[in-house]
Protein backbone atom coordinates (compact mmCIF):
# COMPACT_ATOMS: atom_id res chain seq x y z
CA MET A 1 2.74 164.18 108.38
CA ALA A 2 6.04 165.37 109.76
CA ALA A 3 6.10 169.37 110.31
CA LYS A 4 8.03 171.27 107.72
CA LYS A 5 11.42 172.42 108.84
CA ASN A 6 11.51 176.16 109.28
CA PRO A 7 14.39 177.61 107.06
CA LEU A 8 15.57 180.05 110.01
CA SER A 9 16.37 176.81 111.86
CA ASP A 10 19.54 176.35 109.59
CA LYS A 11 20.55 179.80 109.79
CA ALA A 12 20.07 179.69 113.72
CA TYR A 13 22.24 176.65 113.67
CA GLU A 14 25.06 178.18 111.73
CA MET A 15 25.08 181.15 114.08
CA TYR A 16 25.29 178.86 117.10
CA LYS A 17 28.35 176.87 115.54
CA ASP A 18 30.02 180.32 115.29
CA GLY A 19 29.85 180.61 118.87
CA MET A 20 26.55 182.86 119.57
CA LYS A 21 24.31 182.53 122.54
CA LEU A 22 20.61 181.35 122.20
CA ILE A 23 19.44 184.47 123.29
CA ASP A 24 21.56 186.39 121.17
CA ILE A 25 20.40 184.21 118.23
CA ALA A 26 16.78 184.81 118.94
CA SER A 27 17.05 188.34 119.07
CA GLU A 28 18.97 188.55 116.02
CA LEU A 29 16.46 186.35 114.07
CA GLN A 30 13.67 188.26 115.90
CA LEU A 31 12.44 184.77 117.35
CA PRO A 32 11.16 183.87 120.91
CA PRO A 33 14.29 182.35 122.72
CA GLY A 34 11.89 179.17 123.25
CA THR A 35 11.78 178.48 119.73
CA VAL A 36 15.81 178.50 119.31
CA ARG A 37 16.07 176.19 122.37
CA ARG A 38 13.48 173.81 121.01
CA TRP A 39 15.36 173.65 117.66
CA LYS A 40 18.71 173.00 119.66
CA SER A 41 17.22 170.16 121.44
CA THR A 42 15.43 168.67 118.53
CA TYR A 43 18.21 168.65 115.80
CA GLY A 44 20.96 167.90 118.42
CA TRP A 45 23.09 171.03 117.92
CA ASP A 46 25.20 170.07 120.94
CA ASN A 47 26.36 166.89 119.41
CA GLU A 48 27.59 168.67 116.10
CA ARG A 49 29.12 171.41 117.78
CA SER A 50 30.90 168.81 120.27
CA ASP A 51 32.22 166.88 117.37
CA ASP A 52 33.32 170.26 115.74
CA LYS A 53 35.13 171.15 118.83
CA SER A 54 36.48 167.82 119.12
CA GLU A 55 38.08 168.00 115.51
CA ARG A 56 39.56 171.63 116.18
CA SER A 57 41.00 170.16 119.66
CA ASP A 58 42.79 167.39 117.93
CA ILE A 59 44.08 169.72 115.23
CA THR A 60 45.39 171.84 118.28
CA LYS A 61 47.01 168.96 120.11
CA GLU A 62 48.57 168.05 116.84
CA LYS A 63 50.31 171.51 116.76
CA LYS A 64 51.18 171.45 120.49
CA LYS A 65 53.15 168.16 119.81
CA VAL A 66 55.41 169.93 117.36
CA HIS A 67 58.31 171.14 119.35
CA ILE A 68 62.04 172.18 118.93
CA ASP A 69 64.33 169.29 119.84
CA ASP A 70 66.61 170.60 122.48
CA GLY A 71 68.65 167.56 122.34
CA THR A 72 67.97 166.26 125.89
CA LYS A 73 66.26 163.30 124.91
CA GLU A 74 69.51 162.06 123.56
CA THR A 75 71.32 163.25 126.51
CA LEU A 76 69.30 160.90 128.71
CA GLN A 77 70.13 158.23 126.30
CA ASN A 78 73.94 158.70 126.36
CA GLU A 79 75.36 155.52 127.92
CA GLU A 80 78.87 157.05 128.49
CA LEU A 81 77.20 158.84 131.04
CA THR A 82 75.48 158.02 134.56
CA PRO A 83 72.15 159.34 135.26
CA GLU A 84 73.33 161.98 137.47
CA GLN A 85 76.01 163.14 134.82
CA GLN A 86 73.12 163.17 132.24
CA LEU A 87 70.96 165.38 134.42
CA PHE A 88 74.20 167.58 135.24
CA CYS A 89 74.62 168.31 131.60
CA ILE A 90 71.06 169.17 130.88
CA TYR A 91 71.01 171.52 133.95
CA TYR A 92 74.42 173.05 133.19
CA SER A 93 73.50 173.70 129.50
CA ARG A 94 70.22 175.86 130.70
CA THR A 95 71.92 177.75 133.58
CA PHE A 96 76.11 177.45 133.25
CA ASN A 97 76.32 177.28 137.05
CA ALA A 98 78.20 174.11 137.61
CA GLY A 99 77.56 174.26 141.50
CA GLN A 100 73.90 174.66 141.07
CA SER A 101 73.56 172.00 138.24
CA TYR A 102 75.48 169.43 140.47
CA GLN A 103 73.16 170.11 143.49
CA LYS A 104 70.27 169.61 141.51
CA ALA A 105 71.48 166.42 139.61
CA TYR A 106 72.95 164.87 142.80
CA GLY A 107 70.87 166.00 145.47
CA CYS A 108 73.83 166.77 147.90
CA ALA A 109 74.85 169.64 150.03
CA HIS A 110 75.64 173.16 148.52
CA ILE A 111 79.31 173.16 149.96
CA SER A 112 79.65 169.62 148.24
CA ALA A 113 78.43 170.92 145.05
CA LEU A 114 80.52 173.98 144.82
CA THR A 115 83.62 171.83 144.68
CA ASN A 116 82.27 168.96 142.67
CA GLY A 117 80.39 170.90 140.13
CA PRO A 118 83.38 172.61 138.59
CA ARG A 119 85.42 169.09 139.00
CA LEU A 120 82.67 167.32 136.98
CA LEU A 121 83.22 169.71 134.03
CA GLY A 122 86.63 168.28 133.90
CA ASN A 123 85.11 164.85 132.57
CA ASP A 124 85.49 164.51 128.91
CA CYS A 125 82.38 162.84 128.33
CA VAL A 126 80.66 165.38 130.45
CA ARG A 127 82.28 168.17 128.58
CA ALA A 128 81.52 166.76 125.12
CA GLU A 129 77.74 166.40 126.10
CA ILE A 130 77.55 169.78 127.07
CA GLU A 131 79.27 171.20 123.78
CA ARG A 132 76.86 169.34 121.80
CA LEU A 133 73.89 170.85 123.92
CA LYS A 134 75.38 174.38 123.67
CA GLU A 135 75.80 173.96 119.88
CA LEU A 136 72.23 172.85 119.38
CA LYS A 137 71.04 175.79 121.24
CA ARG A 138 73.12 178.22 119.14
CA GLN A 139 71.71 176.74 116.08
CA GLN A 140 68.20 177.36 117.28
CA ILE A 141 68.84 181.13 117.79
CA MET A 142 67.29 182.78 115.04
CA ILE A 143 68.83 186.13 115.31
CA SER A 144 71.82 186.65 113.00
CA GLU A 145 74.56 189.25 112.96
CA ASP A 146 72.86 191.05 110.16
CA ASP A 147 69.80 191.44 112.48
CA ILE A 148 71.96 192.93 115.11
CA VAL A 149 73.46 195.62 112.62
CA GLU A 150 69.93 196.45 111.26
CA LEU A 151 68.75 196.83 114.71
CA GLN A 152 71.60 199.19 115.65
CA MET A 153 71.07 201.19 112.18
CA ARG A 154 67.30 201.51 113.34
CA ILE A 155 68.47 202.84 116.63
CA ALA A 156 70.98 205.42 115.19
CA GLY A 157 68.40 206.70 112.71
CA ALA A 158 65.52 206.83 115.15
CA ASP A 159 63.53 209.99 114.84
CA MET A 160 61.30 211.13 117.89
CA GLY A 161 58.82 212.72 115.57
CA ASN A 162 57.80 208.95 114.91
CA TYR A 163 56.55 208.94 118.40
CA VAL A 164 55.25 212.24 119.28
CA SER A 165 53.66 215.32 117.55
CA PHE A 166 53.96 218.80 118.79
CA GLY A 167 52.85 222.14 118.19
CA LYS A 168 50.86 225.07 119.43
CA LYS A 169 48.22 222.69 120.46
CA GLY A 170 50.51 220.83 122.66
CA VAL A 171 52.08 217.33 122.71
CA ALA A 172 50.32 214.18 121.45
CA LEU A 173 51.70 210.62 121.30
CA ARG A 174 51.22 208.33 118.46
CA GLU A 175 49.70 205.16 118.72
CA SER A 176 51.77 202.19 119.82
CA ASP A 177 50.55 200.20 116.65
CA ILE A 178 51.98 202.40 114.24
CA THR A 179 55.26 203.04 116.07
CA ASP A 180 58.54 200.89 116.30
CA THR A 181 58.20 200.13 119.82
CA GLN A 182 61.27 197.92 119.88
CA LEU A 183 63.53 201.17 119.83
CA ILE A 184 61.64 202.45 123.20
CA GLN A 185 63.85 201.84 126.26
CA GLU A 186 61.32 203.68 128.57
CA VAL A 187 57.78 204.93 129.26
CA LYS A 188 56.80 206.89 132.21
CA GLU A 189 53.70 208.49 133.21
CA GLY A 190 53.89 211.01 135.88
CA LYS A 191 52.35 214.40 137.00
CA SER A 192 53.80 216.07 134.18
CA GLY A 193 52.32 213.74 131.59
CA VAL A 194 53.74 210.93 129.70
CA SER A 195 57.54 210.69 128.96
CA ILE A 196 59.26 208.60 126.26
CA LYS A 197 63.02 207.46 126.30
CA LEU A 198 64.37 205.88 123.06
CA SER A 199 67.51 203.73 122.93
CA ASP A 200 70.67 205.46 123.05
CA ARG A 201 71.22 206.73 119.71
CA GLN A 202 75.00 207.66 120.17
CA LYS A 203 75.83 204.30 121.29
CA ALA A 204 74.53 202.68 118.50
CA ILE A 205 76.55 205.28 116.37
CA ASP A 206 79.51 204.36 117.92
CA TRP A 207 78.87 200.49 117.58
CA LEU A 208 78.13 200.92 114.12
CA SER A 209 81.20 203.16 113.68
CA LYS A 210 83.54 199.96 115.06
CA TYR A 211 81.60 197.63 113.04
CA PHE A 212 82.28 198.99 109.89
CA LEU A 213 85.86 200.26 110.90
CA MET A 214 85.03 203.91 110.01
CA HIS A 215 87.13 205.32 112.93
CA PRO A 216 90.93 205.38 111.97
CA GLU A 217 91.85 204.05 115.31
CA SER A 218 89.50 201.21 114.86
CA LYS A 219 90.73 200.52 111.30
CA TYR A 220 94.19 200.72 111.62
CA LYS A 221 94.55 199.25 115.13
CA ALA A 222 95.47 195.54 114.01
CA GLU A 223 98.06 196.97 111.92
CA TYR A 224 99.35 199.31 114.79
CA GLU A 225 99.42 196.16 116.90
CA ARG A 226 101.52 194.00 114.66
CA LYS A 227 103.89 196.91 113.78
CA ARG A 228 104.32 197.53 117.51
CA ALA A 229 105.18 193.90 118.01
CA GLU A 230 107.72 194.07 115.46
CA ILE A 231 109.41 197.12 116.85
CA ASN A 232 109.25 195.35 120.14
CA GLU A 233 111.05 192.29 118.87
CA ASN A 234 113.61 194.41 116.96
CA ALA A 235 114.20 196.57 119.95
CA GLY A 236 115.56 193.68 122.39
CA GLU A 237 117.95 192.72 119.63
CA GLU A 238 119.18 196.44 119.08
CA ILE A 239 119.50 196.57 123.07
CA LEU A 240 121.75 193.60 122.95
CA LYS A 241 124.05 194.47 120.10
CA ASN A 242 124.48 198.04 121.86
CA MET A 243 125.41 196.48 125.07
CA GLN A 244 128.00 194.15 123.32
CA THR A 245 129.56 197.23 121.37
CA ILE A 246 129.82 199.34 124.61
CA ALA A 247 131.68 196.44 126.39
CA ASP A 248 134.03 196.36 123.38
CA ILE A 249 134.72 199.80 123.57
CA LEU A 250 135.43 199.45 127.34
CA LYS A 251 137.90 196.69 126.77
CA ASN A 252 139.78 198.72 124.01
CA PRO A 253 139.61 202.60 125.06
CA ALA A 254 140.92 205.06 122.41
CA CYS A 255 140.79 208.79 122.44
CA ASN A 256 138.14 210.43 120.52
CA ARG A 257 136.52 207.18 119.23
CA ASP A 258 133.02 207.51 118.44
CA ILE A 259 130.34 204.44 118.94
CA GLU A 260 129.64 204.65 115.25
CA ASP A 261 133.57 204.37 114.39
CA PHE A 262 133.89 201.16 116.50
CA GLU A 263 130.65 199.51 114.77
CA ASN A 264 132.03 200.24 111.48
CA MET A 265 135.47 198.63 112.24
CA PRO A 266 136.30 195.35 110.95
CA GLU A 267 135.91 192.51 113.27
CA GLU A 268 139.66 191.59 112.85
CA GLU A 269 140.89 194.99 114.01
CA LYS A 270 138.63 194.73 116.88
CA THR A 271 140.25 191.38 117.73
CA GLU A 272 144.04 193.05 117.15
CA ASP A 273 143.00 195.79 119.54
CA GLU A 274 142.18 193.37 122.24
């Protein structure tokens, strides 16, 4: 007759599946370590645990397979480009260094790459492929204009009291897990203690002022430039007009004649004087 299974063996097995060591299981259940080892061998815990690990491993592998398409696969299938040009496009879209990218793609000397790299950028097919890769990269950037504005607002409104507390008992730092560490520019620890430097608050305020056109100089700058351009254009015409008027006066001198009087004269009188 088979021996009755000890109900603690099932509990020990669950603990083993959770990753506990045999000696710790024995201590937890107040059993001899040899008993737990015998259960492990008798009921084949290792086999079941391996299957469980294998299943989790497969799931992990599937997750690792999921990746963001950076477009390089399509680049290597672009039949309008040579293999070297394909590699050049991929390298350049990552580094924006034409010489270095050319040297890696073609395996040539550095001097040759410095000349041929920029020249290759003039190839229409190469340029189009690089622009495609750059656009894919731009679309994959998750940060938006609103995110930048929000960060600048947080910097502008940062309060040192959120990072340190001070009083008669001295200065105490707050825990990093309850503070906005993104706003910290520098943390130093020296002989005099720990110091914290936040991101430049005034720079953030200046940035926001320009962004929201709060400053009159920024708000009316575009209009000012437009008006100045109009004035410059009109000024050129006025200068030419005045030069012609002065020339006409010199051809037809008269006592006590003012430039305004000459400008107001009918054209036929000016002609008669001549």
